[in-house]
Amino acid sequence: MSLSLSLSPWLLGVALIAIGTWVLVWLLSDKSTTDDCSVLQTIDLSGSERLEIVDDVCKEGLPHTTNGHTIRMIRSVWEGPRRDEILKHERVHLRQKQGLAGWYEFYRRAWDYECLPSAAAVPGLPADLKARLRPNPDTADAPWALWRRRWLFFPAFRKDAPTSLKGAEVLVWDTETHKLVEPPDDWRNVFCGSNGCPHQYEHPHEIAAEWYSAPARSDAPAAAAFFAWMK
């Protein structure tokens, strides 16, 4: 009887350690990755591409890619009048994910952009601005875009809507003055044309996808270089 009583706490401790170890492994594994999206239907597109129809709360209903082969949309977008344009936009993101090195080389050579996986090396960028980075599955590999080695473009949650994906804004950090600024005139001269500036100008991935899928092509100097490269 006394032996049984003395072993019980020991066995309990072993069990707790085992459970704790399992939980830690689970948290560090892919199984712990959260995904607030429920896939309602899968549609085969061309080749290895597929489309997943997801519930309306998935990423606030915003179309996006999850890897180099999968696009996600809510049903109202898939059945809506802009489906072909949006599908074309997301297919550009698939191409980007399938060949990142080539795209990044184009951005450096033709657009003078450097895409960064982290803003740790950006001079003077405050921690609160880094924390406001709005995640985007289409640019997740390197979400920070540094133009001409000076201006850092990135999407950020608004202070009055700190969790709203749709309510995000584009911020530009000047690494020389250590201030938030409007897109510089030099940038506008390169990326804006007679039909305006890119709407999604937070990242070269988004600029490229927007231009390629737009009904009316931009005549900006940067757009001309892009379309020539895409041929």
C-alpha atoms as a PDB file:
ATOM      1  CA  MET A   1       0.000   0.000   0.000  1.00  0.00           C
ATOM      2  CA  SER A   2       2.745   2.501   0.920  1.00  0.00           C
ATOM      3  CA  LEU A   3       4.637   1.630  -2.283  1.00  0.00           C
ATOM      4  CA  SER A   4       1.541   2.385  -4.365  1.00  0.00           C
ATOM      5  CA  LEU A   5       1.049   5.719  -2.652  1.00  0.00           C
ATOM      6  CA  SER A   6       4.658   6.735  -3.209  1.00  0.00           C
ATOM      7  CA  LEU A   7       4.582   5.828  -6.904  1.00  0.00           C
ATOM      8  CA  SER A   8       1.363   7.715  -7.727  1.00  0.00           C
ATOM      9  CA  PRO A   9       2.889  11.209  -7.610  1.00  0.00           C
ATOM     10  CA  TRP A  10       5.834   9.951  -9.608  1.00  0.00           C
ATOM     11  CA  LEU A  11       3.595   8.442 -12.286  1.00  0.00           C
ATOM     12  CA  LEU A  12       1.520  11.598 -12.349  1.00  0.00           C
ATOM     13  CA  GLY A  13       4.635  13.650 -12.898  1.00  0.00           C
ATOM     14  CA  VAL A  14       5.779  11.432 -15.750  1.00  0.00           C
ATOM     15  CA  ALA A  15       2.357  11.691 -17.357  1.00  0.00           C
ATOM     16  CA  LEU A  16       2.346  15.481 -17.083  1.00  0.00           C
ATOM     17  CA  ILE A  17       5.813  15.697 -18.632  1.00  0.00           C
ATOM     18  CA  ALA A  18       4.741  13.430 -21.486  1.00  0.00           C
ATOM     19  CA  ILE A  19       1.631  15.501 -22.144  1.00  0.00           C
ATOM     20  CA  GLY A  20       3.620  18.729 -21.999  1.00  0.00           C
ATOM     21  CA  THR A  21       6.175  17.373 -24.454  1.00  0.00           C
ATOM     22  CA  TRP A  22       3.436  16.305 -26.875  1.00  0.00           C
ATOM     23  CA  VAL A  23       1.792  19.731 -26.710  1.00  0.00           C
ATOM     24  CA  LEU A  24       5.134  21.467 -27.357  1.00  0.00           C
ATOM     25  CA  VAL A  25       5.858  19.255 -30.371  1.00  0.00           C
ATOM     26  CA  TRP A  26       2.352  19.888 -31.714  1.00  0.00           C
ATOM     27  CA  LEU A  27       2.728  23.646 -31.338  1.00  0.00           C
ATOM     28  CA  LEU A  28       6.028  23.612 -33.186  1.00  0.00           C
ATOM     29  CA  SER A  29       4.761  21.370 -35.962  1.00  0.00           C
ATOM     30  CA  ASP A  30       2.720  22.179 -39.045  1.00  0.00           C
ATOM     31  CA  LYS A  31      -0.335  20.713 -37.286  1.00  0.00           C
ATOM     32  CA  SER A  32      -0.530  23.794 -35.110  1.00  0.00           C
ATOM     33  CA  THR A  33      -0.789  26.134 -38.109  1.00  0.00           C
ATOM     34  CA  THR A  34      -4.103  27.947 -37.890  1.00  0.00           C
ATOM     35  CA  ASP A  35      -6.268  28.470 -40.936  1.00  0.00           C
ATOM     36  CA  ASP A  36      -9.601  30.206 -40.539  1.00  0.00           C
ATOM     37  CA  CYS A  37     -10.720  29.055 -43.989  1.00  0.00           C
ATOM     38  CA  SER A  38     -13.096  26.201 -44.709  1.00  0.00           C
ATOM     39  CA  VAL A  39     -12.799  24.736 -48.209  1.00  0.00           C
ATOM     40  CA  LEU A  40     -16.289  24.195 -49.646  1.00  0.00           C
ATOM     41  CA  GLN A  41     -15.382  23.019 -53.150  1.00  0.00           C
ATOM     42  CA  THR A  42     -12.280  22.292 -55.212  1.00  0.00           C
ATOM     43  CA  ILE A  43     -12.195  23.045 -58.953  1.00  0.00           C
ATOM     44  CA  ASP A  44      -9.420  21.854 -61.261  1.00  0.00           C
ATOM     45  CA  LEU A  45      -8.084  24.593 -63.507  1.00  0.00           C
ATOM     46  CA  SER A  46      -5.377  24.098 -66.122  1.00  0.00           C
ATOM     47  CA  GLY A  47      -2.378  21.855 -65.556  1.00  0.00           C
ATOM     48  CA  SER A  48      -1.632  21.488 -61.865  1.00  0.00           C
ATOM     49  CA  GLU A  49      -3.577  24.596 -60.856  1.00  0.00           C
ATOM     50  CA  ARG A  50      -6.677  24.345 -58.745  1.00  0.00           C
ATOM     51  CA  LEU A  51      -9.210  26.704 -57.228  1.00  0.00           C
ATOM     52  CA  GLU A  52     -10.663  26.315 -53.761  1.00  0.00           C
ATOM     53  CA  ILE A  53     -14.035  27.869 -53.010  1.00  0.00           C
ATOM     54  CA  VAL A  54     -13.870  28.935 -49.383  1.00  0.00           C
ATOM     55  CA  ASP A  55     -16.288  30.296 -46.809  1.00  0.00           C
ATOM     56  CA  ASP A  56     -17.050  34.010 -46.773  1.00  0.00           C
ATOM     57  CA  VAL A  57     -14.985  34.737 -43.655  1.00  0.00           C
ATOM     58  CA  CYS A  58     -11.793  33.343 -45.196  1.00  0.00           C
ATOM     59  CA  LYS A  59      -9.305  36.244 -45.224  1.00  0.00           C
ATOM     60  CA  GLU A  60     -12.312  38.607 -45.164  1.00  0.00           C
ATOM     61  CA  GLY A  61     -13.339  37.301 -48.583  1.00  0.00           C
ATOM     62  CA  LEU A  62     -10.154  38.447 -50.309  1.00  0.00           C
ATOM     63  CA  PRO A  63      -8.893  36.180 -53.144  1.00  0.00           C
ATOM     64  CA  HIS A  64      -5.385  34.836 -52.577  1.00  0.00           C
ATOM     65  CA  THR A  65      -2.995  31.987 -53.258  1.00  0.00           C
ATOM     66  CA  THR A  66      -1.797  29.466 -50.703  1.00  0.00           C
ATOM     67  CA  ASN A  67       1.088  27.905 -52.647  1.00  0.00           C
ATOM     68  CA  GLY A  68       2.322  27.715 -56.234  1.00  0.00           C
ATOM     69  CA  HIS A  69      -0.710  25.757 -57.410  1.00  0.00           C
ATOM     70  CA  THR A  70      -3.759  26.814 -55.372  1.00  0.00           C
ATOM     71  CA  ILE A  71      -6.011  29.879 -55.599  1.00  0.00           C
ATOM     72  CA  ARG A  72      -8.746  30.614 -53.091  1.00  0.00           C
ATOM     73  CA  MET A  73     -11.920  32.637 -53.658  1.00  0.00           C
ATOM     74  CA  ILE A  74     -15.282  32.957 -51.995  1.00  0.00           C
ATOM     75  CA  ARG A  75     -18.226  31.789 -54.097  1.00  0.00           C
ATOM     76  CA  SER A  76     -19.643  35.260 -54.777  1.00  0.00           C
ATOM     77  CA  VAL A  77     -16.331  36.287 -56.379  1.00  0.00           C
ATOM     78  CA  TRP A  78     -16.076  33.071 -58.401  1.00  0.00           C
ATOM     79  CA  GLU A  79     -19.623  33.599 -59.714  1.00  0.00           C
ATOM     80  CA  GLY A  80     -19.282  37.377 -60.030  1.00  0.00           C
ATOM     81  CA  PRO A  81     -18.676  39.591 -63.085  1.00  0.00           C
ATOM     82  CA  ARG A  82     -14.967  40.151 -62.328  1.00  0.00           C
ATOM     83  CA  ARG A  83     -14.071  36.482 -61.989  1.00  0.00           C
ATOM     84  CA  ASP A  84     -11.852  36.294 -65.075  1.00  0.00           C
ATOM     85  CA  GLU A  85      -9.915  39.432 -64.156  1.00  0.00           C
ATOM     86  CA  ILE A  86      -9.387  38.285 -60.569  1.00  0.00           C
ATOM     87  CA  LEU A  87      -8.452  34.782 -61.685  1.00  0.00           C
ATOM     88  CA  LYS A  88      -5.874  36.259 -64.052  1.00  0.00           C
ATOM     89  CA  HIS A  89      -4.493  38.376 -61.190  1.00  0.00           C
ATOM     90  CA  GLU A  90      -4.129  35.386 -58.874  1.00  0.00           C
ATOM     91  CA  ARG A  91      -2.544  33.280 -61.606  1.00  0.00           C
ATOM     92  CA  VAL A  92       0.247  35.849 -61.771  1.00  0.00           C
ATOM     93  CA  HIS A  93       0.808  35.205 -58.059  1.00  0.00           C
ATOM     94  CA  LEU A  94       1.046  31.487 -58.827  1.00  0.00           C
ATOM     95  CA  ARG A  95       3.727  32.215 -61.430  1.00  0.00           C
ATOM     96  CA  GLN A  96       5.580  34.364 -58.932  1.00  0.00           C
ATOM     97  CA  LYS A  97       5.589  31.585 -56.334  1.00  0.00           C
ATOM     98  CA  GLN A  98       6.742  29.051 -58.915  1.00  0.00           C
ATOM     99  CA  GLY A  99       9.757  31.125 -59.946  1.00  0.00           C
ATOM    100  CA  LEU A 100      10.618  33.645 -57.248  1.00  0.00           C
ATOM    101  CA  ALA A 101      14.271  34.080 -58.186  1.00  0.00           C
ATOM    102  CA  GLY A 102      13.450  35.260 -61.705  1.00  0.00           C
ATOM    103  CA  TRP A 103      10.828  37.715 -60.528  1.00  0.00           C
ATOM    104  CA  TYR A 104      13.100  39.185 -57.877  1.00  0.00           C
ATOM    105  CA  GLU A 105      15.870  39.593 -60.417  1.00  0.00           C
ATOM    106  CA  PHE A 106      13.468  41.494 -62.698  1.00  0.00           C
ATOM    107  CA  TYR A 107      12.375  43.750 -59.829  1.00  0.00           C
ATOM    108  CA  ARG A 108      16.007  44.574 -59.055  1.00  0.00           C
ATOM    109  CA  ARG A 109      17.114  45.131 -62.624  1.00  0.00           C
ATOM    110  CA  ALA A 110      14.096  46.889 -64.133  1.00  0.00           C
ATOM    111  CA  TRP A 111      12.224  48.397 -61.189  1.00  0.00           C
ATOM    112  CA  ASP A 112      15.037  48.978 -58.669  1.00  0.00           C
ATOM    113  CA  TYR A 113      13.155  47.100 -55.948  1.00  0.00           C
ATOM    114  CA  GLU A 114      14.668  44.802 -53.353  1.00  0.00           C
ATOM    115  CA  CYS A 115      12.150  42.522 -51.607  1.00  0.00           C
ATOM    116  CA  LEU A 116      13.054  41.678 -48.025  1.00  0.00           C
ATOM    117  CA  PRO A 117      11.852  38.766 -45.868  1.00  0.00           C
ATOM    118  CA  SER A 118      12.469  40.858 -42.755  1.00  0.00           C
ATOM    119  CA  ALA A 119      12.671  44.540 -41.901  1.00  0.00           C
ATOM    120  CA  ALA A 120      15.278  43.915 -39.214  1.00  0.00           C
ATOM    121  CA  ALA A 121      18.009  45.598 -41.253  1.00  0.00           C
ATOM    122  CA  VAL A 122      15.920  48.634 -42.285  1.00  0.00           C
ATOM    123  CA  PRO A 123      17.494  51.723 -40.659  1.00  0.00           C
ATOM    124  CA  GLY A 124      15.421  53.316 -37.928  1.00  0.00           C
ATOM    125  CA  LEU A 125      12.110  51.577 -38.628  1.00  0.00           C
ATOM    126  CA  PRO A 126      10.227  51.686 -35.291  1.00  0.00           C
ATOM    127  CA  ALA A 127       9.083  48.436 -33.732  1.00  0.00           C
ATOM    128  CA  ASP A 128       5.448  49.569 -33.691  1.00  0.00           C
ATOM    129  CA  LEU A 129       5.493  49.986 -37.484  1.00  0.00           C
ATOM    130  CA  LYS A 130       7.078  46.561 -37.959  1.00  0.00           C
ATOM    131  CA  ALA A 131       4.330  45.082 -35.787  1.00  0.00           C
ATOM    132  CA  ARG A 132       1.634  46.652 -37.973  1.00  0.00           C
ATOM    133  CA  LEU A 133       2.672  44.708 -41.079  1.00  0.00           C
ATOM    134  CA  ARG A 134      -0.503  43.341 -42.653  1.00  0.00           C
ATOM    135  CA  PRO A 135       0.074  39.733 -43.756  1.00  0.00           C
ATOM    136  CA  ASN A 136      -0.595  38.838 -47.375  1.00  0.00           C
ATOM    137  CA  PRO A 137      -0.349  35.206 -48.543  1.00  0.00           C
ATOM    138  CA  ASP A 138       0.675  36.428 -52.008  1.00  0.00           C
ATOM    139  CA  THR A 139       3.755  38.281 -50.730  1.00  0.00           C
ATOM    140  CA  ALA A 140       4.530  36.261 -47.600  1.00  0.00           C
ATOM    141  CA  ASP A 141       7.994  35.154 -48.764  1.00  0.00           C
ATOM    142  CA  ALA A 142       9.368  38.728 -48.681  1.00  0.00           C
ATOM    143  CA  PRO A 143       6.681  41.262 -47.664  1.00  0.00           C
ATOM    144  CA  TRP A 144       8.898  44.357 -47.370  1.00  0.00           C
ATOM    145  CA  ALA A 145       9.688  46.206 -50.617  1.00  0.00           C
ATOM    146  CA  LEU A 146      12.649  48.613 -50.632  1.00  0.00           C
ATOM    147  CA  TRP A 147      12.735  50.955 -53.632  1.00  0.00           C
ATOM    148  CA  ARG A 148      16.021  52.532 -54.750  1.00  0.00           C
ATOM    149  CA  ARG A 149      17.603  51.391 -51.491  1.00  0.00           C
ATOM    150  CA  ARG A 150      15.798  54.182 -49.654  1.00  0.00           C
ATOM    151  CA  TRP A 151      11.987  53.959 -49.559  1.00  0.00           C
ATOM    152  CA  LEU A 152      10.380  51.003 -47.826  1.00  0.00           C
ATOM    153  CA  PHE A 153       6.851  50.151 -49.016  1.00  0.00           C
ATOM    154  CA  PHE A 154       4.629  47.840 -46.966  1.00  0.00           C
ATOM    155  CA  PRO A 155       0.944  47.224 -46.149  1.00  0.00           C
ATOM    156  CA  ALA A 156      -0.008  48.026 -42.565  1.00  0.00           C
ATOM    157  CA  PHE A 157      -3.000  47.608 -40.326  1.00  0.00           C
ATOM    158  CA  ARG A 158      -4.600  50.943 -39.539  1.00  0.00           C
ATOM    159  CA  LYS A 159      -4.445  52.075 -35.929  1.00  0.00           C
ATOM    160  CA  ASP A 160      -8.241  52.397 -35.823  1.00  0.00           C
ATOM    161  CA  ALA A 161      -8.734  48.940 -37.386  1.00  0.00           C
ATOM    162  CA  PRO A 162      -5.799  46.839 -36.115  1.00  0.00           C
ATOM    163  CA  THR A 163      -7.142  43.502 -37.376  1.00  0.00           C
ATOM    164  CA  SER A 164      -8.929  44.454 -40.602  1.00  0.00           C
ATOM    165  CA  LEU A 165      -7.269  43.072 -43.740  1.00  0.00           C
ATOM    166  CA  LYS A 166      -9.479  45.115 -46.046  1.00  0.00           C
ATOM    167  CA  GLY A 167      -8.916  48.268 -44.019  1.00  0.00           C
ATOM    168  CA  ALA A 168      -5.123  48.163 -44.334  1.00  0.00           C
ATOM    169  CA  GLU A 169      -3.144  51.084 -45.719  1.00  0.00           C
ATOM    170  CA  VAL A 170       0.123  51.340 -47.624  1.00  0.00           C
ATOM    171  CA  LEU A 171       2.940  53.032 -45.730  1.00  0.00           C
ATOM    172  CA  VAL A 172       6.227  54.356 -47.098  1.00  0.00           C
ATOM    173  CA  TRP A 173       9.205  54.717 -44.748  1.00  0.00           C
ATOM    174  CA  ASP A 174      12.082  56.962 -45.783  1.00  0.00           C
ATOM    175  CA  THR A 175      15.223  55.286 -44.469  1.00  0.00           C
ATOM    176  CA  GLU A 176      17.234  58.523 -44.749  1.00  0.00           C
ATOM    177  CA  THR A 177      14.885  60.926 -42.935  1.00  0.00           C
ATOM    178  CA  HIS A 178      13.422  58.201 -40.695  1.00  0.00           C
ATOM    179  CA  LYS A 179       9.886  59.396 -41.410  1.00  0.00           C
ATOM    180  CA  LEU A 180       6.704  58.101 -42.979  1.00  0.00           C
ATOM    181  CA  VAL A 181       6.190  59.867 -46.311  1.00  0.00           C
ATOM    182  CA  GLU A 182       3.969  59.821 -49.364  1.00  0.00           C
ATOM    183  CA  PRO A 183       5.246  57.873 -52.383  1.00  0.00           C
ATOM    184  CA  PRO A 184       8.039  60.091 -53.763  1.00  0.00           C
ATOM    185  CA  ASP A 185       7.635  61.959 -57.037  1.00  0.00           C
ATOM    186  CA  ASP A 186      10.425  59.909 -58.601  1.00  0.00           C
ATOM    187  CA  TRP A 187       8.439  56.748 -57.880  1.00  0.00           C
ATOM    188  CA  ARG A 188       5.276  58.264 -59.381  1.00  0.00           C
ATOM    189  CA  ASN A 189       7.176  59.206 -62.528  1.00  0.00           C
ATOM    190  CA  VAL A 190       8.130  55.559 -63.005  1.00  0.00           C
ATOM    191  CA  PHE A 191       5.022  53.693 -61.835  1.00  0.00           C
ATOM    192  CA  CYS A 192       2.129  56.025 -62.673  1.00  0.00           C
ATOM    193  CA  GLY A 193       0.710  56.585 -66.131  1.00  0.00           C
ATOM    194  CA  SER A 194      -2.152  58.324 -67.903  1.00  0.00           C
ATOM    195  CA  ASN A 195      -4.680  56.038 -66.184  1.00  0.00           C
ATOM    196  CA  GLY A 196      -3.267  56.662 -62.720  1.00  0.00           C
ATOM    197  CA  CYS A 197      -1.027  54.886 -60.232  1.00  0.00           C
ATOM    198  CA  PRO A 198      -1.255  51.229 -59.198  1.00  0.00           C
ATOM    199  CA  HIS A 199      -3.975  50.663 -56.635  1.00  0.00           C
ATOM    200  CA  GLN A 200      -2.045  47.869 -54.893  1.00  0.00           C
ATOM    201  CA  TYR A 201       1.353  49.534 -54.797  1.00  0.00           C
ATOM    202  CA  GLU A 202       2.562  48.029 -51.521  1.00  0.00           C
ATOM    203  CA  HIS A 203       4.668  45.356 -53.237  1.00  0.00           C
ATOM    204  CA  PRO A 204       6.051  44.582 -56.732  1.00  0.00           C
ATOM    205  CA  HIS A 205       4.139  41.267 -56.709  1.00  0.00           C
ATOM    206  CA  GLU A 206       0.874  43.178 -56.425  1.00  0.00           C
ATOM    207  CA  ILE A 207       1.807  45.860 -58.935  1.00  0.00           C
ATOM    208  CA  ALA A 208       2.703  43.204 -61.506  1.00  0.00           C
ATOM    209  CA  ALA A 209      -0.471  41.177 -60.916  1.00  0.00           C
ATOM    210  CA  GLU A 210      -2.660  44.289 -61.065  1.00  0.00           C
ATOM    211  CA  TRP A 211      -1.147  45.488 -64.334  1.00  0.00           C
ATOM    212  CA  TYR A 212      -1.239  42.083 -66.003  1.00  0.00           C
ATOM    213  CA  SER A 213      -4.900  41.497 -65.179  1.00  0.00           C
ATOM    214  CA  ALA A 214      -6.211  45.026 -65.799  1.00  0.00           C
ATOM    215  CA  PRO A 215      -8.637  45.503 -68.726  1.00  0.00           C
ATOM    216  CA  ALA A 216      -6.704  48.642 -69.723  1.00  0.00           C
ATOM    217  CA  ARG A 217      -2.939  48.278 -69.514  1.00  0.00           C
ATOM    218  CA  SER A 218      -0.940  50.944 -67.768  1.00  0.00           C
ATOM    219  CA  ASP A 219       1.372  53.049 -69.932  1.00  0.00           C
ATOM    220  CA  ALA A 220       3.741  53.833 -67.050  1.00  0.00           C
ATOM    221  CA  PRO A 221       7.461  53.424 -67.848  1.00  0.00           C
ATOM    222  CA  ALA A 222       7.725  50.556 -65.361  1.00  0.00           C
ATOM    223  CA  ALA A 223       4.736  48.857 -66.994  1.00  0.00           C
ATOM    224  CA  ALA A 224       6.388  48.955 -70.416  1.00  0.00           C
ATOM    225  CA  ALA A 225       9.431  47.160 -69.027  1.00  0.00           C
ATOM    226  CA  PHE A 226       7.202  44.614 -67.318  1.00  0.00           C
ATOM    227  CA  PHE A 227       5.119  43.736 -70.376  1.00  0.00           C
ATOM    228  CA  ALA A 228       8.237  43.438 -72.496  1.00  0.00           C
ATOM    229  CA  TRP A 229       9.701  41.029 -69.932  1.00  0.00           C
ATOM    230  CA  MET A 230       6.497  38.966 -69.736  1.00  0.00           C
ATOM    231  CA  LYS A 231       6.436  38.261 -73.496  1.00  0.00           C
END
